[in-house]
Amino acid sequence: MFSRLLWFSLGGVLALILTGAVMMGGQVFANDTRLHMDFLRVIAQQVAPSLAQNTVIKEQNVYICGDIEEMARKSIDNDNVKASDLKAKYTDLGYTVDIKKGEVIARRKVDDFCSYHRSLRHLGIYKEKLAVFQGPIGYDQKLLKVEDAIPIQSLSAEFQVKLQQASNFSQMTPETQAQLRSELEFANEDALNAILENLDEMQY
C-alpha cells in the first residue's frame, strides 16, 4: 500500500513539473530536465528503506557439524543505515543476510567444527584402511591420519561391520548410532590413542 502511494506521489510531482513546463510555453529545456531528475532522485533516496535505530545485528558462524555460534552482536546507532547497503557489505564478506523487524542475522559457513566438536575424534575407513577423523562420528570431512599398517581386512569381522556402519552413520537407527558413538567416538586425542594402542585385540 505504501509503495503504491509513493508511486502516486512521485507521479503527481512529475505531472506538476510537466504541467508547469507546458504553462511556461510548452518547452522543457535540458537544464530543467536535469533539475527535475535530480529532484526525483533526492525524493527516492529519502524514502529508501532504512533500518531503525537500535536494530540488533547478529554475526554467526555455521560450522561443518551444523552448529551455529554467535560471534558478535552489535546495534545500529543511527537512523541513516540503509538495509540494502548493510546487506551488500555483509554479502561481500561472505555472509548471507536475513533482515527481520528489529534484527539482522548475518551468517557465514566455516570449514571447521564448532568449539565443542573440534576436539572430538572418531574412527572410520579411508581407502580400505583404518583412519582417524576429526569431529563427531558421521562427519568425515577432516581426515587426520591413516593407519597404513592396519588394513580393514585385518580387523575382526564385528569391528569391520561397525566401521562400515560408521561410514553410513546417517542411515543407521538411533540405537545403532548411540552404540557407534560409544565405541568409535572419543572425547580427545588421548582417549583415541588409548584405543589405538590396544587395537591388536581387534585384529586377527
N, C-alpha and C. Protein backbone atom coordinates (compact mmCIF):
# COMPACT_ATOMS: atom_id res chain seq x y z
N MET A 1 0.83 -1.19 0.00
CA MET A 1 0.00 0.00 0.00
C MET A 1 0.87 1.25 0.00
N PHE A 2 1.92 1.25 0.85
CA PHE A 2 2.84 2.38 0.95
C PHE A 2 3.54 2.63 -0.38
N SER A 3 3.98 1.51 -1.01
CA SER A 3 4.69 1.66 -2.28
C SER A 3 3.80 2.26 -3.35
N ARG A 4 2.48 1.89 -3.35
CA ARG A 4 1.55 2.45 -4.32
C ARG A 4 1.39 3.95 -4.10
N LEU A 5 1.24 4.36 -2.83
CA LEU A 5 1.12 5.77 -2.50
C LEU A 5 2.36 6.53 -2.93
N LEU A 6 3.54 5.90 -2.75
CA LEU A 6 4.79 6.53 -3.14
C LEU A 6 4.82 6.79 -4.63
N TRP A 7 4.43 5.79 -5.42
CA TRP A 7 4.45 5.95 -6.87
C TRP A 7 3.43 7.01 -7.31
N PHE A 8 2.26 7.01 -6.64
CA PHE A 8 1.26 8.03 -6.96
C PHE A 8 1.82 9.42 -6.66
N SER A 9 2.53 9.54 -5.52
CA SER A 9 3.10 10.83 -5.12
C SER A 9 4.15 11.28 -6.12
N LEU A 10 5.05 10.36 -6.49
CA LEU A 10 6.08 10.69 -7.48
C LEU A 10 5.45 11.05 -8.81
N GLY A 11 4.40 10.29 -9.17
CA GLY A 11 3.71 10.59 -10.42
C GLY A 11 3.09 11.98 -10.39
N GLY A 12 2.53 12.33 -9.23
CA GLY A 12 1.93 13.65 -9.09
C GLY A 12 2.96 14.75 -9.21
N VAL A 13 4.13 14.52 -8.59
CA VAL A 13 5.20 15.52 -8.67
C VAL A 13 5.63 15.71 -10.12
N LEU A 14 5.81 14.58 -10.83
CA LEU A 14 6.23 14.65 -12.23
C LEU A 14 5.18 15.37 -13.07
N ALA A 15 3.91 15.07 -12.79
CA ALA A 15 2.83 15.72 -13.55
C ALA A 15 2.85 17.23 -13.33
N LEU A 16 3.07 17.65 -12.08
CA LEU A 16 3.13 19.08 -11.79
C LEU A 16 4.29 19.75 -12.53
N ILE A 17 5.44 19.02 -12.56
CA ILE A 17 6.59 19.57 -13.24
C ILE A 17 6.30 19.77 -14.72
N LEU A 18 5.72 18.73 -15.35
CA LEU A 18 5.41 18.82 -16.77
C LEU A 18 4.36 19.88 -17.05
N THR A 19 3.36 19.96 -16.16
CA THR A 19 2.32 20.96 -16.32
C THR A 19 2.91 22.37 -16.27
N GLY A 20 3.83 22.54 -15.31
CA GLY A 20 4.49 23.84 -15.20
C GLY A 20 5.25 24.17 -16.45
N ALA A 21 5.88 23.15 -17.01
CA ALA A 21 6.64 23.38 -18.23
C ALA A 21 5.74 23.81 -19.37
N VAL A 22 4.56 23.15 -19.47
CA VAL A 22 3.62 23.49 -20.54
C VAL A 22 3.11 24.91 -20.36
N MET A 23 2.79 25.28 -19.09
CA MET A 23 2.26 26.61 -18.82
C MET A 23 3.29 27.68 -19.14
N MET A 24 4.56 27.32 -19.07
CA MET A 24 5.63 28.28 -19.35
C MET A 24 5.92 28.36 -20.85
N GLY A 25 5.13 27.70 -21.63
CA GLY A 25 5.31 27.85 -23.07
C GLY A 25 5.46 26.55 -23.80
N GLY A 26 5.38 25.42 -23.06
CA GLY A 26 5.43 24.12 -23.71
C GLY A 26 6.82 23.66 -24.04
N GLN A 27 7.86 24.35 -23.56
CA GLN A 27 9.22 23.95 -23.84
C GLN A 27 9.90 23.49 -22.57
N VAL A 28 10.53 22.31 -22.62
CA VAL A 28 11.28 21.77 -21.49
C VAL A 28 12.74 21.73 -21.91
N PHE A 29 13.52 22.56 -21.31
CA PHE A 29 14.92 22.65 -21.67
C PHE A 29 15.73 21.57 -20.97
N ALA A 30 16.92 21.28 -21.50
CA ALA A 30 17.79 20.24 -20.94
C ALA A 30 18.13 20.53 -19.49
N ASN A 31 18.36 21.82 -19.16
CA ASN A 31 18.70 22.16 -17.78
C ASN A 31 17.56 21.80 -16.84
N ASP A 32 16.32 22.14 -17.27
CA ASP A 32 15.15 21.85 -16.45
C ASP A 32 14.98 20.36 -16.26
N THR A 33 15.24 19.57 -17.32
CA THR A 33 15.08 18.12 -17.24
C THR A 33 16.04 17.53 -16.21
N ARG A 34 17.30 18.00 -16.26
CA ARG A 34 18.27 17.51 -15.28
C ARG A 34 17.88 17.92 -13.88
N LEU A 35 17.38 19.13 -13.73
CA LEU A 35 16.96 19.60 -12.41
C LEU A 35 15.81 18.77 -11.86
N HIS A 36 14.87 18.46 -12.74
CA HIS A 36 13.72 17.67 -12.32
C HIS A 36 14.13 16.24 -11.94
N MET A 37 15.06 15.67 -12.72
CA MET A 37 15.52 14.31 -12.42
C MET A 37 16.28 14.27 -11.10
N ASP A 38 17.09 15.32 -10.85
CA ASP A 38 17.81 15.39 -9.58
C ASP A 38 16.83 15.48 -8.42
N PHE A 39 15.77 16.23 -8.63
CA PHE A 39 14.75 16.38 -7.58
C PHE A 39 14.09 15.05 -7.26
N LEU A 40 13.76 14.30 -8.31
CA LEU A 40 13.14 12.98 -8.12
C LEU A 40 14.10 12.01 -7.45
N ARG A 41 15.39 12.11 -7.81
CA ARG A 41 16.39 11.22 -7.23
C ARG A 41 16.54 11.48 -5.73
N VAL A 42 16.48 12.71 -5.33
CA VAL A 42 16.56 13.06 -3.90
C VAL A 42 15.37 12.49 -3.15
N ILE A 43 14.19 12.59 -3.75
CA ILE A 43 12.99 12.04 -3.11
C ILE A 43 13.11 10.54 -2.94
N ALA A 44 13.60 9.84 -3.99
CA ALA A 44 13.75 8.38 -3.93
C ALA A 44 14.72 7.98 -2.84
N GLN A 45 15.80 8.74 -2.71
CA GLN A 45 16.78 8.41 -1.67
C GLN A 45 16.21 8.60 -0.28
N GLN A 46 15.38 9.61 -0.14
CA GLN A 46 14.79 9.88 1.17
C GLN A 46 13.83 8.80 1.62
N VAL A 47 13.14 8.17 0.66
CA VAL A 47 12.16 7.15 1.03
C VAL A 47 12.74 5.74 0.96
N ALA A 48 14.03 5.57 0.59
CA ALA A 48 14.65 4.24 0.59
C ALA A 48 14.61 3.67 1.99
N PRO A 49 14.29 2.37 2.14
CA PRO A 49 14.12 1.79 3.48
C PRO A 49 15.41 1.85 4.30
N SER A 50 15.30 2.40 5.49
CA SER A 50 16.41 2.46 6.43
C SER A 50 16.09 1.56 7.61
N LEU A 51 17.15 1.11 8.26
CA LEU A 51 16.98 0.28 9.45
C LEU A 51 16.79 1.18 10.67
N ALA A 52 15.89 0.77 11.53
CA ALA A 52 15.60 1.57 12.72
C ALA A 52 16.80 1.60 13.65
N GLN A 53 16.92 2.69 14.35
CA GLN A 53 17.99 2.80 15.34
C GLN A 53 17.80 1.72 16.40
N ASN A 54 18.93 1.18 16.88
CA ASN A 54 18.95 0.08 17.87
C ASN A 54 18.59 -1.28 17.28
N THR A 55 18.50 -1.36 15.93
CA THR A 55 18.34 -2.67 15.30
C THR A 55 19.56 -3.53 15.65
N VAL A 56 19.33 -4.77 16.08
CA VAL A 56 20.41 -5.65 16.51
C VAL A 56 20.97 -6.42 15.32
N ILE A 57 22.28 -6.44 15.19
CA ILE A 57 22.96 -7.22 14.16
C ILE A 57 23.68 -8.38 14.83
N LYS A 58 23.33 -9.62 14.44
CA LYS A 58 23.97 -10.81 14.99
C LYS A 58 24.85 -11.45 13.91
N GLU A 59 26.14 -11.54 14.18
CA GLU A 59 27.06 -12.20 13.26
C GLU A 59 27.29 -13.63 13.75
N GLN A 60 26.99 -14.61 12.89
CA GLN A 60 27.03 -16.01 13.31
C GLN A 60 27.86 -16.85 12.35
N ASN A 61 28.52 -17.87 12.89
CA ASN A 61 29.23 -18.87 12.10
C ASN A 61 28.41 -20.15 12.05
N VAL A 62 28.34 -20.76 10.88
CA VAL A 62 27.68 -22.05 10.71
C VAL A 62 28.76 -23.08 10.40
N TYR A 63 28.93 -24.07 11.28
CA TYR A 63 30.05 -24.99 11.19
C TYR A 63 29.68 -26.28 10.44
N ILE A 64 30.70 -27.07 10.14
CA ILE A 64 30.52 -28.34 9.44
C ILE A 64 29.49 -29.22 10.15
N CYS A 65 29.57 -29.24 11.47
CA CYS A 65 28.69 -30.10 12.26
C CYS A 65 27.26 -29.59 12.31
N GLY A 66 27.00 -28.43 11.72
CA GLY A 66 25.66 -27.87 11.71
C GLY A 66 25.38 -26.92 12.85
N ASP A 67 26.28 -26.84 13.82
CA ASP A 67 26.09 -25.93 14.95
C ASP A 67 26.27 -24.49 14.49
N ILE A 68 25.54 -23.61 15.17
CA ILE A 68 25.61 -22.18 14.88
C ILE A 68 26.11 -21.46 16.13
N GLU A 69 27.13 -20.65 15.95
CA GLU A 69 27.73 -19.94 17.08
C GLU A 69 27.72 -18.44 16.80
N GLU A 70 27.20 -17.68 17.75
CA GLU A 70 27.18 -16.23 17.61
C GLU A 70 28.55 -15.67 17.94
N MET A 71 29.14 -14.94 16.99
CA MET A 71 30.49 -14.43 17.15
C MET A 71 30.50 -12.96 17.59
N ALA A 72 29.46 -12.22 17.25
CA ALA A 72 29.40 -10.81 17.62
C ALA A 72 27.96 -10.34 17.59
N ARG A 73 27.69 -9.33 18.41
CA ARG A 73 26.36 -8.72 18.44
C ARG A 73 26.56 -7.21 18.59
N LYS A 74 25.92 -6.46 17.72
CA LYS A 74 26.05 -5.01 17.77
C LYS A 74 24.72 -4.36 17.44
N SER A 75 24.61 -3.08 17.72
CA SER A 75 23.38 -2.34 17.45
C SER A 75 23.66 -1.18 16.51
N ILE A 76 22.70 -0.86 15.67
CA ILE A 76 22.81 0.30 14.79
C ILE A 76 22.53 1.54 15.62
N ASP A 77 23.43 2.52 15.57
CA ASP A 77 23.31 3.68 16.45
C ASP A 77 22.80 4.94 15.76
N ASN A 78 22.31 4.81 14.52
CA ASN A 78 21.69 5.97 13.87
C ASN A 78 20.61 5.50 12.91
N ASP A 79 19.86 6.47 12.39
CA ASP A 79 18.72 6.14 11.53
C ASP A 79 19.05 6.23 10.04
N ASN A 80 20.31 6.35 9.70
CA ASN A 80 20.68 6.58 8.30
C ASN A 80 21.30 5.35 7.63
N VAL A 81 21.20 4.18 8.27
CA VAL A 81 21.78 2.97 7.69
C VAL A 81 20.73 2.30 6.80
N LYS A 82 21.02 2.22 5.52
CA LYS A 82 20.09 1.60 4.57
C LYS A 82 20.24 0.08 4.62
N ALA A 83 19.10 -0.61 4.57
CA ALA A 83 19.11 -2.08 4.61
C ALA A 83 19.90 -2.65 3.44
N SER A 84 19.75 -2.05 2.27
CA SER A 84 20.45 -2.55 1.08
C SER A 84 21.97 -2.39 1.22
N ASP A 85 22.41 -1.28 1.80
CA ASP A 85 23.85 -1.05 1.98
C ASP A 85 24.44 -2.04 2.97
N LEU A 86 23.71 -2.28 4.06
CA LEU A 86 24.20 -3.22 5.08
C LEU A 86 24.28 -4.63 4.51
N LYS A 87 23.26 -5.02 3.74
CA LYS A 87 23.24 -6.36 3.16
C LYS A 87 24.39 -6.53 2.17
N ALA A 88 24.65 -5.51 1.36
CA ALA A 88 25.75 -5.59 0.39
C ALA A 88 27.10 -5.69 1.10
N LYS A 89 27.25 -4.99 2.20
CA LYS A 89 28.50 -5.02 2.96
C LYS A 89 28.78 -6.42 3.48
N TYR A 90 27.78 -7.06 4.08
CA TYR A 90 27.98 -8.40 4.65
C TYR A 90 28.10 -9.46 3.55
N THR A 91 27.38 -9.28 2.46
CA THR A 91 27.46 -10.23 1.35
C THR A 91 28.88 -10.26 0.78
N ASP A 92 29.51 -9.10 0.68
CA ASP A 92 30.89 -9.02 0.18
C ASP A 92 31.86 -9.75 1.10
N LEU A 93 31.50 -9.90 2.38
CA LEU A 93 32.35 -10.58 3.35
C LEU A 93 32.04 -12.07 3.45
N GLY A 94 31.13 -12.56 2.59
CA GLY A 94 30.81 -13.99 2.57
C GLY A 94 29.64 -14.40 3.44
N TYR A 95 28.85 -13.45 3.90
CA TYR A 95 27.70 -13.76 4.74
C TYR A 95 26.43 -13.84 3.90
N THR A 96 25.46 -14.59 4.40
CA THR A 96 24.09 -14.49 3.92
C THR A 96 23.33 -13.68 4.97
N VAL A 97 22.46 -12.82 4.52
CA VAL A 97 21.83 -11.87 5.43
C VAL A 97 20.32 -12.05 5.42
N ASP A 98 19.76 -12.11 6.62
CA ASP A 98 18.31 -12.20 6.80
C ASP A 98 17.89 -11.01 7.65
N ILE A 99 17.12 -10.10 7.06
CA ILE A 99 16.70 -8.89 7.76
C ILE A 99 15.25 -9.04 8.20
N LYS A 100 15.05 -8.97 9.51
CA LYS A 100 13.71 -9.04 10.08
C LYS A 100 13.45 -7.77 10.86
N LYS A 101 12.26 -7.62 11.36
CA LYS A 101 11.91 -6.44 12.13
C LYS A 101 12.75 -6.38 13.40
N GLY A 102 13.58 -5.35 13.50
CA GLY A 102 14.37 -5.15 14.70
C GLY A 102 15.59 -6.04 14.83
N GLU A 103 15.90 -6.83 13.77
CA GLU A 103 17.02 -7.76 13.88
C GLU A 103 17.59 -8.08 12.51
N VAL A 104 18.93 -8.16 12.44
CA VAL A 104 19.63 -8.57 11.24
C VAL A 104 20.51 -9.76 11.61
N ILE A 105 20.34 -10.88 10.90
CA ILE A 105 21.15 -12.07 11.15
C ILE A 105 22.06 -12.28 9.95
N ALA A 106 23.37 -12.18 10.20
CA ALA A 106 24.38 -12.38 9.15
C ALA A 106 25.12 -13.69 9.45
N ARG A 107 25.01 -14.67 8.54
CA ARG A 107 25.62 -15.98 8.76
C ARG A 107 26.61 -16.31 7.65
N ARG A 108 27.70 -16.97 8.06
CA ARG A 108 28.66 -17.44 7.06
C ARG A 108 29.09 -18.86 7.41
N LYS A 109 29.31 -19.66 6.38
CA LYS A 109 29.73 -21.04 6.57
C LYS A 109 31.23 -21.09 6.83
N VAL A 110 31.61 -21.91 7.80
CA VAL A 110 33.01 -22.05 8.19
C VAL A 110 33.43 -23.50 8.00
N ASP A 111 34.54 -23.72 7.32
CA ASP A 111 35.04 -25.07 7.06
C ASP A 111 35.79 -25.59 8.29
N ASP A 112 35.06 -25.73 9.37
CA ASP A 112 35.66 -26.18 10.62
C ASP A 112 34.54 -26.65 11.54
N PHE A 113 34.92 -27.26 12.66
CA PHE A 113 33.94 -27.67 13.64
C PHE A 113 33.80 -26.60 14.71
N CYS A 114 32.69 -26.61 15.40
CA CYS A 114 32.48 -25.67 16.49
C CYS A 114 33.45 -25.98 17.62
N SER A 115 33.52 -25.09 18.60
CA SER A 115 34.48 -25.25 19.69
C SER A 115 34.24 -26.53 20.48
N TYR A 116 33.00 -26.98 20.54
CA TYR A 116 32.69 -28.21 21.29
C TYR A 116 33.14 -29.46 20.53
N HIS A 117 32.86 -29.53 19.25
CA HIS A 117 33.15 -30.73 18.46
C HIS A 117 34.58 -30.79 17.93
N ARG A 118 35.31 -29.68 18.02
CA ARG A 118 36.64 -29.62 17.42
C ARG A 118 37.62 -30.64 18.02
N SER A 119 37.47 -30.92 19.31
CA SER A 119 38.41 -31.83 19.97
C SER A 119 38.03 -33.30 19.80
N LEU A 120 36.83 -33.58 19.31
CA LEU A 120 36.40 -34.97 19.15
C LEU A 120 37.18 -35.66 18.03
N ARG A 121 37.32 -36.99 18.19
CA ARG A 121 37.95 -37.83 17.18
C ARG A 121 37.08 -39.06 16.98
N HIS A 122 37.09 -39.62 15.78
CA HIS A 122 36.38 -40.88 15.58
C HIS A 122 37.10 -41.74 14.54
N LEU A 123 36.87 -43.04 14.64
CA LEU A 123 37.49 -43.99 13.72
C LEU A 123 36.57 -44.22 12.53
N GLY A 124 37.20 -44.45 11.38
CA GLY A 124 36.43 -44.72 10.17
C GLY A 124 37.29 -45.44 9.15
N ILE A 125 36.87 -45.39 7.91
CA ILE A 125 37.57 -46.08 6.83
C ILE A 125 38.01 -45.08 5.78
N TYR A 126 39.26 -45.24 5.32
CA TYR A 126 39.76 -44.44 4.20
C TYR A 126 40.60 -45.37 3.31
N LYS A 127 40.14 -45.58 2.10
CA LYS A 127 40.82 -46.44 1.12
C LYS A 127 41.13 -47.82 1.74
N GLU A 128 40.11 -48.40 2.35
CA GLU A 128 40.19 -49.75 2.91
C GLU A 128 41.19 -49.88 4.05
N LYS A 129 41.49 -48.76 4.69
CA LYS A 129 42.37 -48.80 5.86
C LYS A 129 41.73 -48.04 7.00
N LEU A 130 42.15 -48.38 8.21
CA LEU A 130 41.62 -47.70 9.39
C LEU A 130 42.10 -46.25 9.38
N ALA A 131 41.17 -45.33 9.65
CA ALA A 131 41.50 -43.90 9.61
C ALA A 131 40.95 -43.18 10.83
N VAL A 132 41.56 -42.04 11.12
CA VAL A 132 41.14 -41.19 12.23
C VAL A 132 40.64 -39.87 11.65
N PHE A 133 39.42 -39.48 12.05
CA PHE A 133 38.82 -38.24 11.58
C PHE A 133 38.59 -37.28 12.75
N GLN A 134 38.65 -36.01 12.46
CA GLN A 134 38.31 -35.01 13.46
C GLN A 134 36.81 -34.82 13.50
N GLY A 135 36.31 -34.48 14.70
CA GLY A 135 34.90 -34.20 14.84
C GLY A 135 34.09 -35.42 15.23
N PRO A 136 32.78 -35.24 15.37
CA PRO A 136 31.90 -36.34 15.77
C PRO A 136 31.73 -37.37 14.66
N ILE A 137 31.37 -38.57 15.03
CA ILE A 137 31.13 -39.62 14.06
C ILE A 137 29.98 -39.20 13.13
N GLY A 138 30.13 -39.53 11.87
CA GLY A 138 29.14 -39.10 10.88
C GLY A 138 29.62 -37.93 10.04
N TYR A 139 30.75 -37.34 10.44
CA TYR A 139 31.33 -36.22 9.69
C TYR A 139 32.78 -36.58 9.34
N ASP A 140 32.99 -36.97 8.10
CA ASP A 140 34.32 -37.44 7.66
C ASP A 140 35.06 -36.40 6.81
N GLN A 141 34.72 -35.12 6.97
CA GLN A 141 35.35 -34.09 6.15
C GLN A 141 36.82 -33.84 6.51
N LYS A 142 37.19 -34.09 7.77
CA LYS A 142 38.54 -33.75 8.24
C LYS A 142 39.31 -35.04 8.56
N LEU A 143 40.04 -35.55 7.58
CA LEU A 143 40.87 -36.74 7.77
C LEU A 143 42.17 -36.33 8.45
N LEU A 144 42.47 -36.93 9.61
CA LEU A 144 43.68 -36.59 10.36
C LEU A 144 44.84 -37.53 10.04
N LYS A 145 44.56 -38.81 10.01
CA LYS A 145 45.63 -39.75 9.69
C LYS A 145 45.06 -41.09 9.26
N VAL A 146 45.88 -41.85 8.55
CA VAL A 146 45.51 -43.19 8.09
C VAL A 146 46.48 -44.18 8.70
N GLU A 147 45.95 -45.23 9.30
CA GLU A 147 46.79 -46.28 9.88
C GLU A 147 47.15 -47.26 8.76
N ASP A 148 48.25 -46.96 8.05
CA ASP A 148 48.64 -47.77 6.89
C ASP A 148 48.92 -49.22 7.26
N ALA A 149 49.34 -49.44 8.49
CA ALA A 149 49.67 -50.82 8.91
C ALA A 149 48.44 -51.61 9.33
N ILE A 150 47.27 -50.97 9.27
CA ILE A 150 46.05 -51.67 9.71
C ILE A 150 45.01 -51.65 8.61
N PRO A 151 45.10 -52.55 7.64
CA PRO A 151 44.04 -52.66 6.63
C PRO A 151 42.76 -53.16 7.30
N ILE A 152 41.63 -52.76 6.76
CA ILE A 152 40.34 -53.13 7.36
C ILE A 152 40.19 -54.64 7.45
N GLN A 153 40.71 -55.37 6.45
CA GLN A 153 40.56 -56.82 6.42
C GLN A 153 41.27 -57.51 7.59
N SER A 154 42.22 -56.82 8.22
CA SER A 154 42.95 -57.43 9.33
C SER A 154 42.19 -57.34 10.65
N LEU A 155 41.10 -56.56 10.66
CA LEU A 155 40.32 -56.39 11.88
C LEU A 155 39.26 -57.48 11.99
N SER A 156 38.75 -57.65 13.17
CA SER A 156 37.71 -58.66 13.38
C SER A 156 36.48 -58.32 12.56
N ALA A 157 35.72 -59.33 12.19
CA ALA A 157 34.52 -59.12 11.38
C ALA A 157 33.54 -58.17 12.06
N GLU A 158 33.41 -58.32 13.37
CA GLU A 158 32.49 -57.46 14.12
C GLU A 158 32.91 -56.00 14.05
N PHE A 159 34.22 -55.76 14.18
CA PHE A 159 34.71 -54.39 14.14
C PHE A 159 34.60 -53.81 12.74
N GLN A 160 34.79 -54.63 11.72
CA GLN A 160 34.63 -54.18 10.34
C GLN A 160 33.20 -53.71 10.09
N VAL A 161 32.24 -54.47 10.61
CA VAL A 161 30.83 -54.10 10.45
C VAL A 161 30.58 -52.73 11.08
N LYS A 162 31.12 -52.51 12.27
CA LYS A 162 30.92 -51.22 12.95
C LYS A 162 31.52 -50.07 12.16
N LEU A 163 32.68 -50.29 11.57
CA LEU A 163 33.30 -49.23 10.77
C LEU A 163 32.49 -48.95 9.51
N GLN A 164 31.93 -49.99 8.91
CA GLN A 164 31.08 -49.80 7.74
C GLN A 164 29.81 -49.03 8.12
N GLN A 165 29.27 -49.36 9.27
CA GLN A 165 28.09 -48.64 9.75
C GLN A 165 28.41 -47.17 10.00
N ALA A 166 29.62 -46.92 10.53
CA ALA A 166 30.04 -45.53 10.78
C ALA A 166 30.12 -44.74 9.48
N SER A 167 30.51 -45.41 8.39
CA SER A 167 30.59 -44.74 7.09
C SER A 167 29.21 -44.38 6.56
N ASN A 168 28.18 -45.04 7.05
CA ASN A 168 26.79 -44.77 6.65
C ASN A 168 25.99 -44.35 7.88
N PHE A 169 26.60 -43.53 8.69
CA PHE A 169 26.05 -43.19 10.00
C PHE A 169 24.63 -42.62 9.94
N SER A 170 24.39 -41.73 9.00
CA SER A 170 23.08 -41.07 8.92
C SER A 170 21.95 -42.04 8.61
N GLN A 171 22.28 -43.22 8.05
CA GLN A 171 21.26 -44.20 7.69
C GLN A 171 20.99 -45.21 8.80
N MET A 172 21.75 -45.12 9.88
CA MET A 172 21.59 -46.06 10.99
C MET A 172 20.43 -45.63 11.90
N THR A 173 19.91 -46.59 12.64
CA THR A 173 18.85 -46.29 13.60
C THR A 173 19.45 -45.50 14.78
N PRO A 174 18.64 -44.76 15.52
CA PRO A 174 19.15 -44.03 16.68
C PRO A 174 19.88 -44.92 17.68
N GLU A 175 19.40 -46.16 17.84
CA GLU A 175 20.05 -47.08 18.77
C GLU A 175 21.45 -47.45 18.29
N THR A 176 21.56 -47.76 16.99
CA THR A 176 22.87 -48.10 16.43
C THR A 176 23.81 -46.90 16.47
N GLN A 177 23.29 -45.72 16.19
CA GLN A 177 24.11 -44.51 16.24
C GLN A 177 24.69 -44.29 17.64
N ALA A 178 23.86 -44.49 18.65
CA ALA A 178 24.32 -44.31 20.02
C ALA A 178 25.42 -45.32 20.36
N GLN A 179 25.27 -46.55 19.90
CA GLN A 179 26.28 -47.58 20.16
C GLN A 179 27.59 -47.26 19.45
N LEU A 180 27.49 -46.79 18.21
CA LEU A 180 28.69 -46.43 17.46
C LEU A 180 29.42 -45.26 18.12
N ARG A 181 28.68 -44.30 18.62
CA ARG A 181 29.32 -43.18 19.31
C ARG A 181 30.09 -43.65 20.54
N SER A 182 29.52 -44.58 21.24
CA SER A 182 30.17 -45.05 22.48
C SER A 182 31.44 -45.86 22.20
N GLU A 183 31.54 -46.45 20.99
CA GLU A 183 32.67 -47.32 20.69
C GLU A 183 33.69 -46.72 19.72
N LEU A 184 33.24 -45.81 18.86
CA LEU A 184 34.15 -45.30 17.82
C LEU A 184 34.42 -43.80 17.92
N GLU A 185 33.76 -43.14 18.85
CA GLU A 185 33.95 -41.70 19.01
C GLU A 185 34.63 -41.41 20.34
N PHE A 186 35.58 -40.44 20.32
CA PHE A 186 36.39 -40.19 21.51
C PHE A 186 36.45 -38.70 21.82
N ALA A 187 36.53 -38.40 23.10
CA ALA A 187 36.46 -37.01 23.55
C ALA A 187 37.67 -36.19 23.14
N ASN A 188 38.82 -36.85 22.99
CA ASN A 188 40.04 -36.11 22.64
C ASN A 188 41.09 -37.08 22.09
N GLU A 189 42.25 -36.54 21.78
CA GLU A 189 43.33 -37.34 21.19
C GLU A 189 43.83 -38.41 22.16
N ASP A 190 43.91 -38.09 23.43
CA ASP A 190 44.42 -39.05 24.42
C ASP A 190 43.52 -40.28 24.50
N ALA A 191 42.21 -40.05 24.54
CA ALA A 191 41.27 -41.17 24.61
C ALA A 191 41.38 -42.04 23.36
N LEU A 192 41.58 -41.42 22.22
CA LEU A 192 41.74 -42.16 20.97
C LEU A 192 43.01 -43.01 20.99
N ASN A 193 44.11 -42.42 21.42
CA ASN A 193 45.39 -43.13 21.43
C ASN A 193 45.35 -44.35 22.35
N ALA A 194 44.60 -44.25 23.42
CA ALA A 194 44.48 -45.38 24.35
C ALA A 194 43.85 -46.58 23.65
N ILE A 195 42.92 -46.32 22.75
CA ILE A 195 42.28 -47.41 21.99
C ILE A 195 43.23 -47.94 20.92
N LEU A 196 43.91 -47.04 20.22
CA LEU A 196 44.81 -47.47 19.14
C LEU A 196 45.95 -48.34 19.66
N GLU A 197 46.39 -48.06 20.88
CA GLU A 197 47.48 -48.85 21.46
C GLU A 197 47.07 -50.29 21.72
N ASN A 198 45.79 -50.51 21.90
CA ASN A 198 45.29 -51.87 22.17
C ASN A 198 44.50 -52.43 21.00
N LEU A 199 44.74 -51.88 19.83
CA LEU A 199 43.96 -52.28 18.67
C LEU A 199 44.26 -53.71 18.22
N ASP A 200 45.41 -54.24 18.65
CA ASP A 200 45.74 -55.61 18.25
C ASP A 200 44.72 -56.62 18.77
N GLU A 201 43.96 -56.20 19.81
CA GLU A 201 42.93 -57.10 20.33
C GLU A 201 41.78 -57.27 19.36
N MET A 202 41.66 -56.29 18.43
CA MET A 202 40.56 -56.33 17.45
C MET A 202 41.02 -56.91 16.12
N GLN A 203 42.30 -57.28 16.05
CA GLN A 203 42.81 -57.85 14.80
C GLN A 203 42.87 -59.38 14.89
N TYR A 204 42.91 -59.98 13.71
CA TYR A 204 43.00 -61.43 13.66
C TYR A 204 44.37 -61.88 14.15
